C-alpha atoms as a PDB file:
ATOM      1  CA  MET A   1      43.350 -77.186  66.439  1.00  0.00           C
ATOM      2  CA  LYS A   2      39.587 -76.311  65.759  1.00  0.00           C
ATOM      3  CA  SER A   3      40.500 -72.732  64.809  1.00  0.00           C
ATOM      4  CA  ARG A   4      42.852 -73.523  62.452  1.00  0.00           C
ATOM      5  CA  LEU A   5      40.490 -76.168  60.220  1.00  0.00           C
ATOM      6  CA  VAL A   6      37.919 -73.222  60.782  1.00  0.00           C
ATOM      7  CA  ARG A   7      40.372 -70.690  58.997  1.00  0.00           C
ATOM      8  CA  LEU A   8      41.201 -72.936  56.289  1.00  0.00           C
ATOM      9  CA  ALA A   9      37.811 -74.457  55.317  1.00  0.00           C
ATOM     10  CA  GLY A  10      37.264 -70.712  55.344  1.00  0.00           C
ATOM     11  CA  ALA A  11      39.980 -70.048  52.750  1.00  0.00           C
ATOM     12  CA  ALA A  12      39.266 -72.849  51.103  1.00  0.00           C
ATOM     13  CA  SER A  13      35.249 -71.936  50.095  1.00  0.00           C
ATOM     14  CA  LEU A  14      36.822 -68.106  49.602  1.00  0.00           C
ATOM     15  CA  CYS A  15      39.177 -69.636  47.295  1.00  0.00           C
ATOM     16  CA  ALA A  16      36.116 -71.577  44.866  1.00  0.00           C
ATOM     17  CA  LEU A  17      34.121 -67.969  44.821  1.00  0.00           C
ATOM     18  CA  ILE A  18      36.991 -66.454  43.648  1.00  0.00           C
ATOM     19  CA  LEU A  19      37.664 -68.903  41.226  1.00  0.00           C
ATOM     20  CA  ALA A  20      33.846 -69.414  40.613  1.00  0.00           C
ATOM     21  CA  CYS A  21      33.382 -66.108  39.276  1.00  0.00           C
ATOM     22  CA  VAL A  22      33.328 -65.712  35.457  1.00  0.00           C
ATOM     23  CA  VAL A  23      32.277 -61.962  35.361  1.00  0.00           C
ATOM     24  CA  SER A  24      34.664 -59.068  36.894  1.00  0.00           C
ATOM     25  CA  ASN A  25      35.916 -56.095  36.467  1.00  0.00           C
ATOM     26  CA  VAL A  26      32.885 -54.210  35.424  1.00  0.00           C
ATOM     27  CA  VAL A  27      33.892 -50.584  34.056  1.00  0.00           C
ATOM     28  CA  GLY A  28      31.718 -47.916  32.849  1.00  0.00           C
ATOM     29  CA  PRO A  29      30.054 -44.715  34.357  1.00  0.00           C
ATOM     30  CA  SER A  30      28.537 -44.587  37.564  1.00  0.00           C
ATOM     31  CA  SER A  31      26.664 -41.223  37.191  1.00  0.00           C
ATOM     32  CA  VAL A  32      24.480 -41.264  33.681  1.00  0.00           C
ATOM     33  CA  HIS A  33      21.406 -38.984  32.831  1.00  0.00           C
ATOM     34  CA  THR A  34      18.037 -40.278  30.690  1.00  0.00           C
ATOM     35  CA  GLY A  35      18.054 -40.981  27.201  1.00  0.00           C
ATOM     36  CA  GLN A  36      22.178 -41.685  27.612  1.00  0.00           C
ATOM     37  CA  VAL A  37      24.072 -44.263  25.657  1.00  0.00           C
ATOM     38  CA  VAL A  38      26.633 -46.062  27.706  1.00  0.00           C
ATOM     39  CA  THR A  39      28.752 -48.537  27.489  1.00  0.00           C
ATOM     40  CA  TYR A  40      29.770 -51.511  30.421  1.00  0.00           C
ATOM     41  CA  GLN A  41      32.357 -53.288  30.321  1.00  0.00           C
ATOM     42  CA  LEU A  42      33.211 -56.274  31.733  1.00  0.00           C
ATOM     43  CA  ALA A  43      36.050 -59.181  32.106  1.00  0.00           C
ATOM     44  CA  TYR A  44      34.992 -62.648  31.214  1.00  0.00           C
ATOM     45  CA  GLY A  45      37.400 -65.241  32.175  1.00  0.00           C
ATOM     46  CA  THR A  46      39.231 -66.988  35.074  1.00  0.00           C
ATOM     47  CA  ASN A  47      37.102 -70.102  35.748  1.00  0.00           C
ATOM     48  CA  THR A  48      38.369 -72.822  35.507  1.00  0.00           C
ATOM     49  CA  LEU A  49      36.158 -75.210  37.532  1.00  0.00           C
ATOM     50  CA  CYS A  50      32.872 -73.565  35.977  1.00  0.00           C
ATOM     51  CA  PHE A  51      34.556 -74.374  32.186  1.00  0.00           C
ATOM     52  CA  PRO A  52      36.911 -77.194  32.447  1.00  0.00           C
ATOM     53  CA  ARG A  53      36.230 -78.143  29.378  1.00  0.00           C
ATOM     54  CA  SER A  54      36.452 -76.311  25.664  1.00  0.00           C
ATOM     55  CA  PRO A  55      34.829 -75.690  23.403  1.00  0.00           C
ATOM     56  CA  TYR A  56      31.910 -74.159  25.177  1.00  0.00           C
ATOM     57  CA  THR A  57      28.777 -71.947  24.329  1.00  0.00           C
ATOM     58  CA  PRO A  58      29.113 -68.410  26.883  1.00  0.00           C
ATOM     59  CA  ALA A  59      25.896 -67.210  28.178  1.00  0.00           C
ATOM     60  CA  LEU A  60      25.537 -63.682  30.329  1.00  0.00           C
ATOM     61  CA  ILE A  61      22.786 -62.566  32.688  1.00  0.00           C
ATOM     62  CA  VAL A  62      22.195 -58.899  32.730  1.00  0.00           C
ATOM     63  CA  ASP A  63      19.659 -57.219  34.925  1.00  0.00           C
ATOM     64  CA  LEU A  64      19.114 -53.765  33.752  1.00  0.00           C
ATOM     65  CA  PRO A  65      16.398 -51.210  34.931  1.00  0.00           C
ATOM     66  CA  ALA A  66      12.807 -51.962  33.353  1.00  0.00           C
ATOM     67  CA  ASP A  67      12.849 -48.960  31.133  1.00  0.00           C
ATOM     68  CA  TRP A  68      16.627 -49.381  29.773  1.00  0.00           C
ATOM     69  CA  THR A  69      17.170 -50.853  26.688  1.00  0.00           C
ATOM     70  CA  LEU A  70      20.181 -53.093  25.452  1.00  0.00           C
ATOM     71  CA  ASN A  71      21.605 -51.868  22.322  1.00  0.00           C
ATOM     72  CA  SER A  72      24.452 -54.615  21.766  1.00  0.00           C
ATOM     73  CA  VAL A  73      26.759 -56.819  23.329  1.00  0.00           C
ATOM     74  CA  THR A  74      30.062 -57.686  22.132  1.00  0.00           C
ATOM     75  CA  TYR A  75      33.369 -59.266  23.084  1.00  0.00           C
ATOM     76  CA  VAL A  76      36.984 -59.313  22.067  1.00  0.00           C
ATOM     77  CA  GLY A  77      38.971 -62.127  23.392  1.00  0.00           C
ATOM     78  CA  SER A  78      42.389 -63.002  24.089  1.00  0.00           C
ATOM     79  CA  GLY A  79      44.961 -65.607  24.301  1.00  0.00           C
ATOM     80  CA  THR A  80      43.577 -68.444  22.116  1.00  0.00           C
ATOM     81  CA  VAL A  81      39.943 -67.324  22.250  1.00  0.00           C
ATOM     82  CA  SER A  82      38.270 -68.800  19.029  1.00  0.00           C
ATOM     83  CA  PRO A  83      36.652 -66.648  17.438  1.00  0.00           C
ATOM     84  CA  PRO A  84      38.685 -63.556  18.715  1.00  0.00           C
ATOM     85  CA  SER A  85      35.400 -61.792  18.401  1.00  0.00           C
ATOM     86  CA  GLY A  86      31.972 -61.914  18.228  1.00  0.00           C
ATOM     87  CA  VAL A  87      28.162 -60.261  19.043  1.00  0.00           C
ATOM     88  CA  GLY A  88      26.012 -61.643  22.048  1.00  0.00           C
ATOM     89  CA  THR A  89      22.687 -62.545  21.048  1.00  0.00           C
ATOM     90  CA  VAL A  90      19.257 -61.974  23.155  1.00  0.00           C
ATOM     91  CA  THR A  91      17.470 -65.805  24.087  1.00  0.00           C
ATOM     92  CA  THR A  92      14.578 -66.168  25.921  1.00  0.00           C
ATOM     93  CA  ALA A  93      15.407 -69.950  26.659  1.00  0.00           C
ATOM     94  CA  CYS A  94      18.584 -68.703  28.725  1.00  0.00           C
ATOM     95  CA  PRO A  95      21.110 -71.681  29.250  1.00  0.00           C
ATOM     96  CA  VAL A  96      21.831 -71.299  32.676  1.00  0.00           C
ATOM     97  CA  ILE A  97      19.969 -69.756  35.329  1.00  0.00           C
ATOM     98  CA  ALA A  98      21.001 -66.851  38.167  1.00  0.00           C
ATOM     99  CA  ALA A  99      20.472 -67.950  41.479  1.00  0.00           C
ATOM    100  CA  THR A 100      18.367 -64.824  42.921  1.00  0.00           C
ATOM    101  CA  ALA A 101      15.079 -63.548  41.413  1.00  0.00           C
ATOM    102  CA  VAL A 102      14.993 -60.684  39.197  1.00  0.00           C
ATOM    103  CA  PRO A 103      15.270 -57.178  41.282  1.00  0.00           C
ATOM    104  CA  ALA A 104      11.778 -55.255  41.574  1.00  0.00           C
ATOM    105  CA  GLY A 105      11.869 -52.313  38.817  1.00  0.00           C
ATOM    106  CA  PHE A 106      14.457 -54.582  36.876  1.00  0.00           C
ATOM    107  CA  GLN A 107      14.324 -56.743  33.428  1.00  0.00           C
ATOM    108  CA  ARG A 108      16.752 -60.113  33.620  1.00  0.00           C
ATOM    109  CA  ILE A 109      18.260 -59.958  29.779  1.00  0.00           C
ATOM    110  CA  CYS A 110      20.289 -63.545  29.050  1.00  0.00           C
ATOM    111  CA  LEU A 111      22.716 -63.255  26.058  1.00  0.00           C
ATOM    112  CA  THR A 112      24.343 -66.271  24.813  1.00  0.00           C
ATOM    113  CA  GLY A 113      27.735 -66.139  22.393  1.00  0.00           C
ATOM    114  CA  PRO A 114      29.051 -67.971  19.248  1.00  0.00           C
ATOM    115  CA  LEU A 115      30.582 -71.789  20.745  1.00  0.00           C
ATOM    116  CA  VAL A 116      34.127 -70.607  21.264  1.00  0.00           C
ATOM    117  CA  THR A 117      37.259 -72.480  22.076  1.00  0.00           C
ATOM    118  CA  PHE A 118      38.349 -70.555  25.393  1.00  0.00           C
ATOM    119  CA  GLN A 119      41.156 -72.068  27.777  1.00  0.00           C
ATOM    120  CA  PRO A 120      40.897 -70.791  31.024  1.00  0.00           C
ATOM    121  CA  PRO A 121      42.396 -69.549  32.811  1.00  0.00           C
ATOM    122  CA  ALA A 122      44.790 -67.825  30.302  1.00  0.00           C
ATOM    123  CA  ASP A 123      41.902 -67.050  28.124  1.00  0.00           C
ATOM    124  CA  THR A 124      39.866 -63.980  28.545  1.00  0.00           C
ATOM    125  CA  ALA A 125      37.504 -61.562  27.195  1.00  0.00           C
ATOM    126  CA  ILE A 126      36.330 -58.446  27.116  1.00  0.00           C
ATOM    127  CA  VAL A 127      32.657 -57.800  26.676  1.00  0.00           C
ATOM    128  CA  SER A 128      30.975 -54.615  26.239  1.00  0.00           C
ATOM    129  CA  VAL A 129      27.116 -54.357  27.086  1.00  0.00           C
ATOM    130  CA  LYS A 130      25.955 -51.346  25.041  1.00  0.00           C
ATOM    131  CA  VAL A 131      22.266 -49.643  26.875  1.00  0.00           C
ATOM    132  CA  THR A 132      20.292 -46.082  26.613  1.00  0.00           C
ATOM    133  CA  VAL A 133      19.305 -45.166  29.771  1.00  0.00           C
ATOM    134  CA  GLY A 134      15.479 -45.179  30.408  1.00  0.00           C
ATOM    135  CA  ASN A 135      13.896 -42.003  32.447  1.00  0.00           C
ATOM    136  CA  VAL A 136      13.621 -43.579  36.177  1.00  0.00           C
ATOM    137  CA  THR A 137      15.930 -41.378  37.924  1.00  0.00           C
ATOM    138  CA  GLY A 138      18.005 -42.654  41.190  1.00  0.00           C
ATOM    139  CA  PRO A 139      20.178 -45.008  42.281  1.00  0.00           C
ATOM    140  CA  HIS A 140      20.769 -48.469  40.500  1.00  0.00           C
ATOM    141  CA  THR A 141      22.695 -51.677  40.801  1.00  0.00           C
ATOM    142  CA  LEU A 142      23.586 -53.570  37.780  1.00  0.00           C
ATOM    143  CA  GLN A 143      24.162 -57.111  38.208  1.00  0.00           C
ATOM    144  CA  PHE A 144      26.045 -59.315  35.523  1.00  0.00           C
ATOM    145  CA  TRP A 145      26.393 -63.198  36.006  1.00  0.00           C
ATOM    146  CA  GLY A 146      28.604 -65.221  33.559  1.00  0.00           C
ATOM    147  CA  GLY A 147      27.579 -68.422  32.568  1.00  0.00           C
ATOM    148  CA  GLY A 148      27.838 -71.346  29.718  1.00  0.00           C
ATOM    149  CA  THR A 149      27.136 -74.525  28.768  1.00  0.00           C
ATOM    150  CA  TRP A 150      29.445 -77.632  27.599  1.00  0.00           C
ATOM    151  CA  THR A 151      28.637 -80.587  25.064  1.00  0.00           C
ATOM    152  CA  GLY A 152      31.744 -82.586  25.554  1.00  0.00           C
ATOM    153  CA  ASN A 153      32.560 -85.332  28.088  1.00  0.00           C
ATOM    154  CA  GLY A 154      29.086 -85.272  29.041  1.00  0.00           C
ATOM    155  CA  GLY A 155      28.502 -82.302  28.879  1.00  0.00           C
ATOM    156  CA  GLY A 156      27.534 -79.904  31.612  1.00  0.00           C
ATOM    157  CA  THR A 157      25.960 -76.353  32.648  1.00  0.00           C
ATOM    158  CA  CYS A 158      27.678 -73.242  35.412  1.00  0.00           C
ATOM    159  CA  VAL A 159      26.593 -70.058  36.014  1.00  0.00           C
ATOM    160  CA  GLN A 160      28.563 -67.803  38.497  1.00  0.00           C
ATOM    161  CA  PRO A 161      26.716 -68.064  42.152  1.00  0.00           C
ATOM    162  CA  THR A 162      26.718 -64.554  42.902  1.00  0.00           C
ATOM    163  CA  PRO A 163      26.361 -61.730  40.667  1.00  0.00           C
ATOM    164  CA  SER A 164      28.902 -58.953  39.870  1.00  0.00           C
ATOM    165  CA  THR A 165      27.349 -55.684  40.532  1.00  0.00           C
ATOM    166  CA  PHE A 166      27.843 -51.936  39.638  1.00  0.00           C
ATOM    167  CA  ALA A 167      26.291 -49.253  41.281  1.00  0.00           C
ATOM    168  CA  VAL A 168      25.297 -46.601  39.264  1.00  0.00           C
ATOM    169  CA  THR A 169      23.536 -43.030  39.258  1.00  0.00           C
ATOM    170  CA  GLU A 170      20.693 -42.082  36.659  1.00  0.00           C
ATOM    171  CA  THR A 171      19.986 -37.949  36.717  1.00  0.00           C
ATOM    172  CA  THR A 172      17.638 -35.989  34.819  1.00  0.00           C
ATOM    173  CA  PRO A 173      20.285 -34.038  32.310  1.00  0.00           C
ATOM    174  CA  VAL A 174      20.786 -30.181  32.715  1.00  0.00           C
ATOM    175  CA  MET A 175      19.419 -28.708  29.527  1.00  0.00           C
ATOM    176  CA  LEU A 176      21.159 -25.380  28.532  1.00  0.00           C
ATOM    177  CA  GLN A 177      18.476 -22.341  28.550  1.00  0.00           C
ATOM    178  CA  SER A 178      18.843 -19.242  26.171  1.00  0.00           C
ATOM    179  CA  PHE A 179      17.650 -16.271  28.152  1.00  0.00           C
ATOM    180  CA  GLU A 180      16.872 -13.073  25.906  1.00  0.00           C
ATOM    181  CA  ALA A 181      18.482  -9.872  26.610  1.00  0.00           C
ATOM    182  CA  GLU A 182      16.064  -7.449  28.056  1.00  0.00           C
END
């Protein structure tokens, strides 16, 4: 009986973690080179525990290598997301706080979007994060947290408990050289 309760508790915890994730399915290049401009896309949504109310103001926390530059963040929603598309704005007063410290050699960037109407789990958005790669070569693990705030029905704030991660290897670009014929 005890082992069955432990299994049920474990399954309930896993279910809560799956439902609590806001950012998922990060896609983009896993091999990049210095100075390259790349875009990472992530799915934002399926969070009925975090956002039981709408409208809310979405937030995205991004950990990038310290020498990378954030160029832009845009989203395109599906379902009843309104407005159906928009841009993220960098803010120094982040409305949500990630549960872990910024990794050494990284920068933490917080972005907020416009006030949106979003009905999870049916509504989703694809968020595009466009960056310019810096010049520190080697492996990097990018981290993304979804979250946000709402003011109706008592208000609240929420952020996913663990980040969605994406492994990237940065290399020096291969230079094309021309040789004179002897």
